Amino acid sequence: MVAFLGCQQTVPPSEVPPESDAGVLLEPERDIVMPVDGELVQVTRMRGAEELEVRSPDGAWVAFVNGSTGWAAVWAVPMPTAADPAPTPIQLTNRGLEDLPRTPGKAPPGFVPVPDSAKGLRWVDDRTVAWTNQGREYSVEVPR
């Protein structure tokens, strides 16, 4: 079970485009909340919405997509602990692209596409996050 903070339905469900998340249009802030030992724990506190989140097989990390830098990217964050209740997310793809000139409809050099929303992210092992975009496979390791 995954719950979302900051979700508010802004239009009736019948008017929601099919590509929207969870059948509702979301406010620009949407943090990840996951169950830990029977209680819900807020995992992220980022600007923008976190999407397509998935927990690592060892339960230590959560991978997700966020566009707070201006380009959609794959991120990972350690699960909160008593010692670190608000861990810092790590941007895994598309770092350093924020200041590049933008051309409508064209990605900048070095841009790595995010997952197709229907397939999302998946963990290959406790360190490697993988996804598919338009039939092409991508993966990245989480530094630990």
C-alpha atoms as a PDB file:
ATOM      1  CA  MET A   1       0.000   0.000   0.000  1.00  0.00           C
ATOM      2  CA  VAL A   2       1.279   3.455  -0.897  1.00  0.00           C
ATOM      3  CA  ALA A   3      -0.439   6.658   0.200  1.00  0.00           C
ATOM      4  CA  PHE A   4       0.143  10.163  -1.064  1.00  0.00           C
ATOM      5  CA  LEU A   5       0.369  13.439   0.832  1.00  0.00           C
ATOM      6  CA  GLY A   6      -0.877  16.558  -0.882  1.00  0.00           C
ATOM      7  CA  CYS A   7      -3.262  14.826  -3.278  1.00  0.00           C
ATOM      8  CA  GLN A   8      -6.388  16.696  -4.055  1.00  0.00           C
ATOM      9  CA  GLN A   9      -8.810  15.974  -6.816  1.00  0.00           C
ATOM     10  CA  THR A  10      -9.081  19.139  -8.866  1.00  0.00           C
ATOM     11  CA  VAL A  11     -11.548  18.042 -11.552  1.00  0.00           C
ATOM     12  CA  PRO A  12     -14.312  15.457 -11.625  1.00  0.00           C
ATOM     13  CA  PRO A  13     -12.974  11.961 -12.485  1.00  0.00           C
ATOM     14  CA  SER A  14     -14.968  11.913 -15.716  1.00  0.00           C
ATOM     15  CA  GLU A  15     -12.903  14.864 -17.002  1.00  0.00           C
ATOM     16  CA  VAL A  16      -9.481  13.501 -16.048  1.00  0.00           C
ATOM     17  CA  PRO A  17      -7.154  12.627 -18.930  1.00  0.00           C
ATOM     18  CA  PRO A  18      -6.303   8.883 -18.968  1.00  0.00           C
ATOM     19  CA  GLU A  19      -2.562   9.526 -18.538  1.00  0.00           C
ATOM     20  CA  SER A  20      -3.012  11.266 -15.175  1.00  0.00           C
ATOM     21  CA  ASP A  21      -1.800   9.548 -12.023  1.00  0.00           C
ATOM     22  CA  ALA A  22      -4.205   7.462  -9.953  1.00  0.00           C
ATOM     23  CA  GLY A  23      -7.280   8.737 -11.766  1.00  0.00           C
ATOM     24  CA  VAL A  24      -7.031  12.271 -10.388  1.00  0.00           C
ATOM     25  CA  LEU A  25      -5.141  15.397 -11.302  1.00  0.00           C
ATOM     26  CA  LEU A  26      -2.693  16.106  -8.532  1.00  0.00           C
ATOM     27  CA  GLU A  27      -1.573  19.307  -6.929  1.00  0.00           C
ATOM     28  CA  PRO A  28       2.044  20.163  -7.777  1.00  0.00           C
ATOM     29  CA  GLU A  29       3.231  18.839  -4.402  1.00  0.00           C
ATOM     30  CA  ARG A  30       2.971  15.079  -3.880  1.00  0.00           C
ATOM     31  CA  ASP A  31       5.300  13.332  -1.470  1.00  0.00           C
ATOM     32  CA  ILE A  32       5.825   9.598  -1.052  1.00  0.00           C
ATOM     33  CA  VAL A  33       4.462   7.945   2.078  1.00  0.00           C
ATOM     34  CA  MET A  34       5.012   4.218   2.686  1.00  0.00           C
ATOM     35  CA  PRO A  35       4.191   1.778   5.458  1.00  0.00           C
ATOM     36  CA  VAL A  36       7.038   0.879   7.795  1.00  0.00           C
ATOM     37  CA  ASP A  37       6.365  -1.537  10.648  1.00  0.00           C
ATOM     38  CA  GLY A  38       2.631  -0.912  10.384  1.00  0.00           C
ATOM     39  CA  GLU A  39       2.868   2.902  10.371  1.00  0.00           C
ATOM     40  CA  LEU A  40       2.905   5.364   7.474  1.00  0.00           C
ATOM     41  CA  VAL A  41       6.213   7.197   7.090  1.00  0.00           C
ATOM     42  CA  GLN A  42       6.823  10.222   4.882  1.00  0.00           C
ATOM     43  CA  VAL A  43       9.721   9.280   2.601  1.00  0.00           C
ATOM     44  CA  THR A  44      10.136  12.414   0.450  1.00  0.00           C
ATOM     45  CA  ARG A  45       9.724  16.131   0.988  1.00  0.00           C
ATOM     46  CA  MET A  46      10.664  17.462  -2.437  1.00  0.00           C
ATOM     47  CA  ARG A  47       9.325  20.259  -4.554  1.00  0.00           C
ATOM     48  CA  GLY A  48       7.002  18.909  -7.229  1.00  0.00           C
ATOM     49  CA  ALA A  49       5.383  15.523  -7.432  1.00  0.00           C
ATOM     50  CA  GLU A  50       7.119  12.198  -7.028  1.00  0.00           C
ATOM     51  CA  GLU A  51       5.758   9.531  -9.345  1.00  0.00           C
ATOM     52  CA  LEU A  52       6.166   5.809 -10.152  1.00  0.00           C
ATOM     53  CA  GLU A  53       7.786   5.064  -6.793  1.00  0.00           C
ATOM     54  CA  VAL A  54       9.017   1.564  -6.039  1.00  0.00           C
ATOM     55  CA  ARG A  55      10.815   0.180  -2.981  1.00  0.00           C
ATOM     56  CA  SER A  56      14.064  -1.798  -3.325  1.00  0.00           C
ATOM     57  CA  PRO A  57      13.998  -5.550  -2.617  1.00  0.00           C
ATOM     58  CA  ASP A  58      15.948  -5.032   0.625  1.00  0.00           C
ATOM     59  CA  GLY A  59      13.517  -2.281   1.668  1.00  0.00           C
ATOM     60  CA  ALA A  60      16.325   0.243   2.147  1.00  0.00           C
ATOM     61  CA  TRP A  61      15.617   2.587  -0.797  1.00  0.00           C
ATOM     62  CA  VAL A  62      12.768   4.042  -2.839  1.00  0.00           C
ATOM     63  CA  ALA A  63      13.265   4.947  -6.506  1.00  0.00           C
ATOM     64  CA  PHE A  64      10.930   7.446  -8.179  1.00  0.00           C
ATOM     65  CA  VAL A  65      10.572  10.041 -10.937  1.00  0.00           C
ATOM     66  CA  ASN A  66      10.577  13.776 -10.185  1.00  0.00           C
ATOM     67  CA  GLY A  67      10.903  16.853 -12.369  1.00  0.00           C
ATOM     68  CA  SER A  68      11.821  19.488  -9.776  1.00  0.00           C
ATOM     69  CA  THR A  69      15.031  20.420 -11.627  1.00  0.00           C
ATOM     70  CA  GLY A  70      13.101  21.251 -14.790  1.00  0.00           C
ATOM     71  CA  TRP A  71      13.779  17.892 -16.467  1.00  0.00           C
ATOM     72  CA  ALA A  72      12.137  14.632 -15.447  1.00  0.00           C
ATOM     73  CA  ALA A  73      14.693  12.356 -13.820  1.00  0.00           C
ATOM     74  CA  VAL A  74      15.008   9.105 -11.891  1.00  0.00           C
ATOM     75  CA  TRP A  75      15.827   9.645  -8.219  1.00  0.00           C
ATOM     76  CA  ALA A  76      16.392   7.420  -5.192  1.00  0.00           C
ATOM     77  CA  VAL A  77      16.128   8.092  -1.479  1.00  0.00           C
ATOM     78  CA  PRO A  78      17.039   5.918   1.491  1.00  0.00           C
ATOM     79  CA  MET A  79      14.124   4.921   3.673  1.00  0.00           C
ATOM     80  CA  PRO A  80      13.871   7.178   6.730  1.00  0.00           C
ATOM     81  CA  THR A  81      15.344   5.870   9.976  1.00  0.00           C
ATOM     82  CA  ALA A  82      15.406   7.125  13.553  1.00  0.00           C
ATOM     83  CA  ALA A  83      18.953   8.380  12.928  1.00  0.00           C
ATOM     84  CA  ASP A  84      17.966  10.094   9.650  1.00  0.00           C
ATOM     85  CA  PRO A  85      14.213  10.805   9.557  1.00  0.00           C
ATOM     86  CA  ALA A  86      14.509  13.042   6.460  1.00  0.00           C
ATOM     87  CA  PRO A  87      17.155  11.519   4.141  1.00  0.00           C
ATOM     88  CA  THR A  88      18.320  13.483   1.109  1.00  0.00           C
ATOM     89  CA  PRO A  89      17.189  12.141  -2.290  1.00  0.00           C
ATOM     90  CA  ILE A  90      19.865  11.449  -4.909  1.00  0.00           C
ATOM     91  CA  GLN A  91      19.276  12.400  -8.539  1.00  0.00           C
ATOM     92  CA  LEU A  92      20.385   9.401 -10.616  1.00  0.00           C
ATOM     93  CA  THR A  93      19.745  10.670 -14.158  1.00  0.00           C
ATOM     94  CA  ASN A  94      19.762  13.998 -15.997  1.00  0.00           C
ATOM     95  CA  ARG A  95      22.031  15.770 -13.509  1.00  0.00           C
ATOM     96  CA  GLY A  96      23.439  19.085 -14.705  1.00  0.00           C
ATOM     97  CA  LEU A  97      20.891  19.665 -17.467  1.00  0.00           C
ATOM     98  CA  GLU A  98      19.034  22.450 -15.648  1.00  0.00           C
ATOM     99  CA  ASP A  99      20.945  25.319 -17.254  1.00  0.00           C
ATOM    100  CA  LEU A 100      21.087  23.979 -20.810  1.00  0.00           C
ATOM    101  CA  PRO A 101      19.130  25.879 -23.454  1.00  0.00           C
ATOM    102  CA  ARG A 102      15.712  24.433 -24.199  1.00  0.00           C
ATOM    103  CA  THR A 103      14.399  23.640 -27.637  1.00  0.00           C
ATOM    104  CA  PRO A 104      10.695  22.723 -27.663  1.00  0.00           C
ATOM    105  CA  GLY A 105      10.207  19.066 -28.546  1.00  0.00           C
ATOM    106  CA  LYS A 106      13.922  18.236 -28.354  1.00  0.00           C
ATOM    107  CA  ALA A 107      15.799  16.749 -25.415  1.00  0.00           C
ATOM    108  CA  PRO A 108      19.259  18.128 -24.600  1.00  0.00           C
ATOM    109  CA  PRO A 109      22.425  16.073 -25.115  1.00  0.00           C
ATOM    110  CA  GLY A 110      22.822  13.569 -22.306  1.00  0.00           C
ATOM    111  CA  PHE A 111      19.119  13.423 -21.456  1.00  0.00           C
ATOM    112  CA  VAL A 112      17.968   9.989 -20.275  1.00  0.00           C
ATOM    113  CA  PRO A 113      14.223   9.452 -20.731  1.00  0.00           C
ATOM    114  CA  VAL A 114      12.135   8.423 -17.742  1.00  0.00           C
ATOM    115  CA  PRO A 115      10.028   5.254 -17.705  1.00  0.00           C
ATOM    116  CA  ASP A 116       6.897   4.757 -19.727  1.00  0.00           C
ATOM    117  CA  SER A 117       4.266   5.365 -17.050  1.00  0.00           C
ATOM    118  CA  ALA A 118       2.474   2.065 -17.733  1.00  0.00           C
ATOM    119  CA  LYS A 119       5.597   0.034 -16.888  1.00  0.00           C
ATOM    120  CA  GLY A 120       7.247   2.287 -14.299  1.00  0.00           C
ATOM    121  CA  LEU A 121      10.479   1.604 -12.459  1.00  0.00           C
ATOM    122  CA  ARG A 122      11.686  -1.759 -11.197  1.00  0.00           C
ATOM    123  CA  TRP A 123      14.612  -2.909  -9.092  1.00  0.00           C
ATOM    124  CA  VAL A 124      16.922  -5.468 -10.710  1.00  0.00           C
ATOM    125  CA  ASP A 125      18.689  -6.028  -7.386  1.00  0.00           C
ATOM    126  CA  ASP A 126      19.258  -4.025  -4.187  1.00  0.00           C
ATOM    127  CA  ARG A 127      21.364  -1.428  -6.060  1.00  0.00           C
ATOM    128  CA  THR A 128      20.111  -1.273  -9.654  1.00  0.00           C
ATOM    129  CA  VAL A 129      16.985   0.515 -10.872  1.00  0.00           C
ATOM    130  CA  ALA A 130      15.742  -0.280 -14.399  1.00  0.00           C
ATOM    131  CA  TRP A 131      12.980   0.924 -16.689  1.00  0.00           C
ATOM    132  CA  THR A 132      11.751   0.909 -20.259  1.00  0.00           C
ATOM    133  CA  ASN A 133      11.027   3.882 -22.491  1.00  0.00           C
ATOM    134  CA  GLN A 134       9.628   3.298 -25.982  1.00  0.00           C
ATOM    135  CA  GLY A 135      10.955  -0.253 -26.011  1.00  0.00           C
ATOM    136  CA  ARG A 136      14.490   0.662 -24.948  1.00  0.00           C
ATOM    137  CA  GLU A 137      15.873  -0.580 -21.604  1.00  0.00           C
ATOM    138  CA  TYR A 138      17.692   1.748 -19.185  1.00  0.00           C
ATOM    139  CA  SER A 139      19.279   1.124 -15.795  1.00  0.00           C
ATOM    140  CA  VAL A 140      21.293   2.997 -13.184  1.00  0.00           C
ATOM    141  CA  GLU A 141      23.011   1.991  -9.955  1.00  0.00           C
ATOM    142  CA  VAL A 142      22.248   3.720  -6.683  1.00  0.00           C
ATOM    143  CA  PRO A 143      25.499   4.798  -5.001  1.00  0.00           C
ATOM    144  CA  ARG A 144      25.739   3.369  -1.486  1.00  0.00           C
END
